[in-house]
């Protein structure tokens, strides 16, 4: 059976049969959600800069 550590508290937890996976409990799942909602986690966005082309007009 695959085992992993909870990304919130680090406690070993089961993958199979765990309704809160990858977290060990509902408490850890909600704590992680709270961090997202409070913007403690951020997903960086790649900024693409387009150069203007000279159309000859």
PDB file of N, CA and C in Angstrom:
ATOM      1  N   UNK A   1       0.850  -1.178   0.000  1.00  0.00           N
ATOM      2  CA  UNK A   1       0.000   0.000   0.000  1.00  0.00           C
ATOM      3  C   UNK A   1       0.898   1.245   0.000  1.00  0.00           C
ATOM      4  N   UNK A   2       0.591   2.195  -0.857  1.00  0.00           N
ATOM      5  CA  UNK A   2       1.393   3.404  -0.985  1.00  0.00           C
ATOM      6  C   UNK A   2       1.201   4.313   0.231  1.00  0.00           C
ATOM      7  N   UNK A   3       2.310   4.745   0.813  1.00  0.00           N
ATOM      8  CA  UNK A   3       2.272   5.663   1.950  1.00  0.00           C
ATOM      9  C   UNK A   3       3.025   6.926   1.569  1.00  0.00           C
ATOM     10  N   UNK A   4       2.581   8.029   2.102  1.00  0.00           N
ATOM     11  CA  UNK A   4       3.224   9.298   1.844  1.00  0.00           C
ATOM     12  C   UNK A   4       3.088  10.176   3.068  1.00  0.00           C
ATOM     13  N   UNK A   5       3.754  11.303   3.061  1.00  0.00           N
ATOM     14  CA  UNK A   5       3.655  12.250   4.167  1.00  0.00           C
ATOM     15  C   UNK A   5       2.660  13.343   3.810  1.00  0.00           C
ATOM     16  N   UNK A   6       1.892  13.754   4.797  1.00  0.00           N
ATOM     17  CA  UNK A   6       0.930  14.845   4.619  1.00  0.00           C
ATOM     18  C   UNK A   6       1.689  16.114   4.239  1.00  0.00           C
ATOM     19  N   UNK A   7       1.282  16.797   3.173  1.00  0.00           N
ATOM     20  CA  UNK A   7       1.990  18.009   2.760  1.00  0.00           C
ATOM     21  C   UNK A   7       1.835  19.157   3.756  1.00  0.00           C
ATOM     22  N   UNK A   8       0.892  19.058   4.673  1.00  0.00           N
ATOM     23  CA  UNK A   8       0.686  20.130   5.643  1.00  0.00           C
ATOM     24  C   UNK A   8       1.486  19.895   6.928  1.00  0.00           C
ATOM     25  N   UNK A   9       1.342  18.723   7.532  1.00  0.00           N
ATOM     26  CA  UNK A   9       1.980  18.480   8.834  1.00  0.00           C
ATOM     27  C   UNK A   9       3.153  17.511   8.768  1.00  0.00           C
ATOM     28  N   UNK A  10       3.285  16.780   7.657  1.00  0.00           N
ATOM     29  CA  UNK A  10       4.391  15.844   7.506  1.00  0.00           C
ATOM     30  C   UNK A  10       4.139  14.467   8.102  1.00  0.00           C
ATOM     31  N   UNK A  11       2.988  14.262   8.702  1.00  0.00           N
ATOM     32  CA  UNK A  11       2.637  12.977   9.313  1.00  0.00           C
ATOM     33  C   UNK A  11       2.440  11.919   8.233  1.00  0.00           C
ATOM     34  N   UNK A  12       2.967  10.691   8.440  1.00  0.00           N
ATOM     35  CA  UNK A  12       2.727   9.625   7.459  1.00  0.00           C
ATOM     36  C   UNK A  12       1.233   9.349   7.321  1.00  0.00           C
ATOM     37  N   UNK A  13       0.790   9.155   6.087  1.00  0.00           N
ATOM     38  CA  UNK A  13      -0.626   8.897   5.838  1.00  0.00           C
ATOM     39  C   UNK A  13      -0.774   7.899   4.691  1.00  0.00           C
ATOM     40  N   UNK A  14      -1.939   7.293   4.590  1.00  0.00           N
ATOM     41  CA  UNK A  14      -2.224   6.324   3.526  1.00  0.00           C
ATOM     42  C   UNK A  14      -2.838   7.045   2.334  1.00  0.00           C
ATOM     43  N   UNK A  15      -2.589   6.521   1.154  1.00  0.00           N
ATOM     44  CA  UNK A  15      -3.208   7.065  -0.054  1.00  0.00           C
ATOM     45  C   UNK A  15      -4.549   6.384  -0.298  1.00  0.00           C
ATOM     46  N   UNK A  16      -4.532   5.064  -0.268  1.00  0.00           N
ATOM     47  CA  UNK A  16      -5.736   4.288  -0.569  1.00  0.00           C
ATOM     48  C   UNK A  16      -6.711   4.349   0.605  1.00  0.00           C
ATOM     49  N   UNK A  17      -7.968   4.624   0.298  1.00  0.00           N
ATOM     50  CA  UNK A  17      -9.007   4.652   1.314  1.00  0.00           C
ATOM     51  C   UNK A  17      -9.003   5.916   2.171  1.00  0.00           C
ATOM     52  N   UNK A  18      -8.226   6.915   1.799  1.00  0.00           N
ATOM     53  CA  UNK A  18      -8.145   8.159   2.573  1.00  0.00           C
ATOM     54  C   UNK A  18      -8.957   9.236   1.847  1.00  0.00           C
ATOM     55  N   UNK A  19     -10.091   9.646   2.404  1.00  0.00           N
ATOM     56  CA  UNK A  19     -10.924  10.641   1.716  1.00  0.00           C
ATOM     57  C   UNK A  19     -10.306  12.044   1.697  1.00  0.00           C
ATOM     58  N   UNK A  20      -9.254  12.270   2.475  1.00  0.00           N
ATOM     59  CA  UNK A  20      -8.629  13.592   2.536  1.00  0.00           C
ATOM     60  C   UNK A  20      -7.303  13.648   1.784  1.00  0.00           C
ATOM     61  N   UNK A  21      -6.961  12.580   1.060  1.00  0.00           N
ATOM     62  CA  UNK A  21      -5.646  12.528   0.415  1.00  0.00           C
ATOM     63  C   UNK A  21      -5.404  13.719  -0.477  1.00  0.00           C
ATOM     64  N   UNK A  22      -4.246  14.219  -0.527  1.00  0.00           N
ATOM     65  CA  UNK A  22      -3.004  13.701   0.038  1.00  0.00           C
ATOM     66  C   UNK A  22      -2.787  14.100   1.502  1.00  0.00           C
ATOM     67  N   UNK A  23      -3.773  14.717   2.115  1.00  0.00           N
ATOM     68  CA  UNK A  23      -3.646  15.148   3.505  1.00  0.00           C
ATOM     69  C   UNK A  23      -4.025  14.009   4.446  1.00  0.00           C
ATOM     70  N   UNK A  24      -3.601  14.124   5.711  1.00  0.00           N
ATOM     71  CA  UNK A  24      -3.884  13.059   6.674  1.00  0.00           C
ATOM     72  C   UNK A  24      -5.260  13.209   7.305  1.00  0.00           C
ATOM     73  N   UNK A  25      -5.822  14.420   7.279  1.00  0.00           N
ATOM     74  CA  UNK A  25      -7.103  14.655   7.944  1.00  0.00           C
ATOM     75  C   UNK A  25      -7.815  15.848   7.322  1.00  0.00           C
ATOM     76  N   UNK A  26      -9.066  16.015   7.695  1.00  0.00           N
ATOM     77  CA  UNK A  26      -9.819  17.177   7.220  1.00  0.00           C
ATOM     78  C   UNK A  26      -9.191  18.469   7.746  1.00  0.00           C
ATOM     79  N   UNK A  27      -8.684  18.424   8.965  1.00  0.00           N
ATOM     80  CA  UNK A  27      -8.038  19.596   9.569  1.00  0.00           C
ATOM     81  C   UNK A  27      -6.869  20.078   8.700  1.00  0.00           C
ATOM     82  N   UNK A  28      -6.008  19.166   8.267  1.00  0.00           N
ATOM     83  CA  UNK A  28      -4.859  19.540   7.429  1.00  0.00           C
ATOM     84  C   UNK A  28      -5.326  20.010   6.052  1.00  0.00           C
ATOM     85  N   UNK A  29      -6.364  19.388   5.522  1.00  0.00           N
ATOM     86  CA  UNK A  29      -6.898  19.788   4.216  1.00  0.00           C
ATOM     87  C   UNK A  29      -7.417  21.226   4.283  1.00  0.00           C
ATOM     88  N   UNK A  30      -8.155  21.558   5.345  1.00  0.00           N
ATOM     89  CA  UNK A  30      -8.704  22.906   5.499  1.00  0.00           C
ATOM     90  C   UNK A  30      -7.606  23.927   5.814  1.00  0.00           C
ATOM     91  N   UNK A  31      -6.576  23.511   6.539  1.00  0.00           N
ATOM     92  CA  UNK A  31      -5.454  24.409   6.830  1.00  0.00           C
ATOM     93  C   UNK A  31      -4.756  24.798   5.527  1.00  0.00           C
ATOM     94  N   UNK A  32      -4.604  23.839   4.614  1.00  0.00           N
ATOM     95  CA  UNK A  32      -3.983  24.117   3.321  1.00  0.00           C
ATOM     96  C   UNK A  32      -4.864  25.051   2.493  1.00  0.00           C
ATOM     97  N   UNK A  33      -6.162  24.809   2.485  1.00  0.00           N
ATOM     98  CA  UNK A  33      -7.095  25.679   1.766  1.00  0.00           C
ATOM     99  C   UNK A  33      -7.015  27.098   2.307  1.00  0.00           C
ATOM    100  N   UNK A  34      -6.915  27.227   3.615  1.00  0.00           N
ATOM    101  CA  UNK A  34      -6.812  28.540   4.249  1.00  0.00           C
ATOM    102  C   UNK A  34      -5.570  29.285   3.771  1.00  0.00           C
ATOM    103  N   UNK A  35      -4.465  28.562   3.605  1.00  0.00           N
ATOM    104  CA  UNK A  35      -3.230  29.197   3.117  1.00  0.00           C
ATOM    105  C   UNK A  35      -3.424  29.731   1.703  1.00  0.00           C
ATOM    106  N   UNK A  36      -4.128  28.977   0.849  1.00  0.00           N
ATOM    107  CA  UNK A  36      -4.412  29.451  -0.507  1.00  0.00           C
ATOM    108  C   UNK A  36      -5.302  30.695  -0.468  1.00  0.00           C
ATOM    109  N   UNK A  37      -6.338  30.662   0.366  1.00  0.00           N
ATOM    110  CA  UNK A  37      -7.281  31.774   0.431  1.00  0.00           C
ATOM    111  C   UNK A  37      -6.642  33.043   1.001  1.00  0.00           C
ATOM    112  N   UNK A  38      -5.667  32.877   1.881  1.00  0.00           N
ATOM    113  CA  UNK A  38      -4.955  34.023   2.453  1.00  0.00           C
ATOM    114  C   UNK A  38      -3.747  34.444   1.624  1.00  0.00           C
ATOM    115  N   UNK A  39      -3.629  33.835   0.431  1.00  0.00           N
ATOM    116  CA  UNK A  39      -2.573  34.130  -0.533  1.00  0.00           C
ATOM    117  C   UNK A  39      -1.174  33.906   0.028  1.00  0.00           C
ATOM    118  N   UNK A  40      -1.044  32.892   0.901  1.00  0.00           N
ATOM    119  CA  UNK A  40       0.274  32.500   1.386  1.00  0.00           C
ATOM    120  C   UNK A  40       0.998  31.663   0.334  1.00  0.00           C
ATOM    121  N   UNK A  41       0.237  31.016  -0.546  1.00  0.00           N
ATOM    122  CA  UNK A  41       0.782  30.276  -1.676  1.00  0.00           C
ATOM    123  C   UNK A  41       0.486  31.094  -2.922  1.00  0.00           C
ATOM    124  N   UNK A  42       1.415  31.072  -3.860  1.00  0.00           N
ATOM    125  CA  UNK A  42       1.188  31.763  -5.126  1.00  0.00           C
ATOM    126  C   UNK A  42       1.724  30.909  -6.263  1.00  0.00           C
ATOM    127  N   UNK A  43       1.042  30.949  -7.369  1.00  0.00           N
ATOM    128  CA  UNK A  43       1.482  30.268  -8.577  1.00  0.00           C
ATOM    129  C   UNK A  43       2.083  31.332  -9.468  1.00  0.00           C
ATOM    130  N   UNK A  44       3.368  31.164  -9.761  1.00  0.00           N
ATOM    131  CA  UNK A  44       4.016  32.164 -10.598  1.00  0.00           C
ATOM    132  C   UNK A  44       3.576  32.004 -12.038  1.00  0.00           C
ATOM    133  N   UNK A  45       3.416  33.125 -12.685  1.00  0.00           N
ATOM    134  CA  UNK A  45       2.969  33.151 -14.067  1.00  0.00           C
ATOM    135  C   UNK A  45       4.118  33.649 -14.933  1.00  0.00           C
ATOM    136  N   UNK A  46       4.356  32.958 -16.016  1.00  0.00           N
ATOM    137  CA  UNK A  46       5.384  33.389 -16.943  1.00  0.00           C
ATOM    138  C   UNK A  46       4.818  34.532 -17.770  1.00  0.00           C
ATOM    139  N   UNK A  47       5.525  35.620 -17.782  1.00  0.00           N
ATOM    140  CA  UNK A  47       5.080  36.790 -18.539  1.00  0.00           C
ATOM    141  C   UNK A  47       5.762  36.758 -19.905  1.00  0.00           C
ATOM    142  N   UNK A  48       4.954  36.798 -20.954  1.00  0.00           N
ATOM    143  CA  UNK A  48       5.456  36.776 -22.321  1.00  0.00           C
ATOM    144  C   UNK A  48       5.319  38.170 -22.878  1.00  0.00           C
ATOM    145  N   UNK A  49       6.445  38.731 -23.296  1.00  0.00           N
ATOM    146  CA  UNK A  49       6.447  40.070 -23.857  1.00  0.00           C
ATOM    147  C   UNK A  49       6.541  39.940 -25.373  1.00  0.00           C
ATOM    148  N   UNK A  50       5.557  40.516 -26.060  1.00  0.00           N
ATOM    149  CA  UNK A  50       5.565  40.505 -27.511  1.00  0.00           C
ATOM    150  C   UNK A  50       6.173  41.809 -28.002  1.00  0.00           C
ATOM    151  N   UNK A  51       7.114  41.675 -28.915  1.00  0.00           N
ATOM    152  CA  UNK A  51       7.709  42.866 -29.496  1.00  0.00           C
ATOM    153  C   UNK A  51       6.802  43.377 -30.610  1.00  0.00           C
ATOM    154  N   UNK A  52       6.731  44.700 -30.709  1.00  0.00           N
ATOM    155  CA  UNK A  52       5.944  45.273 -31.790  1.00  0.00           C
ATOM    156  C   UNK A  52       6.682  45.090 -33.107  1.00  0.00           C
ATOM    157  N   UNK A  53       5.922  44.770 -34.138  1.00  0.00           N
ATOM    158  CA  UNK A  53       6.526  44.613 -35.455  1.00  0.00           C
ATOM    159  C   UNK A  53       6.234  45.836 -36.284  1.00  0.00           C
ATOM    160  N   UNK A  54       7.195  46.239 -37.050  1.00  0.00           N
ATOM    161  CA  UNK A  54       7.024  47.411 -37.934  1.00  0.00           C
ATOM    162  C   UNK A  54       6.292  46.953 -39.174  1.00  0.00           C
ATOM    163  N   UNK A  55       5.067  47.428 -39.353  1.00  0.00           N
ATOM    164  CA  UNK A  55       4.264  47.006 -40.487  1.00  0.00           C
ATOM    165  C   UNK A  55       4.537  47.847 -41.729  1.00  0.00           C
ATOM    166  N   UNK A  56       5.415  48.868 -41.605  1.00  0.00           N
ATOM    167  CA  UNK A  56       5.766  49.676 -42.770  1.00  0.00           C
ATOM    168  C   UNK A  56       4.747  50.729 -43.106  1.00  0.00           C
ATOM    169  N   UNK A  57       3.823  51.066 -42.229  1.00  0.00           N
ATOM    170  CA  UNK A  57       2.829  52.080 -42.550  1.00  0.00           C
ATOM    171  C   UNK A  57       3.168  53.422 -42.030  1.00  0.00           C
TER     172      UNK A  57
END
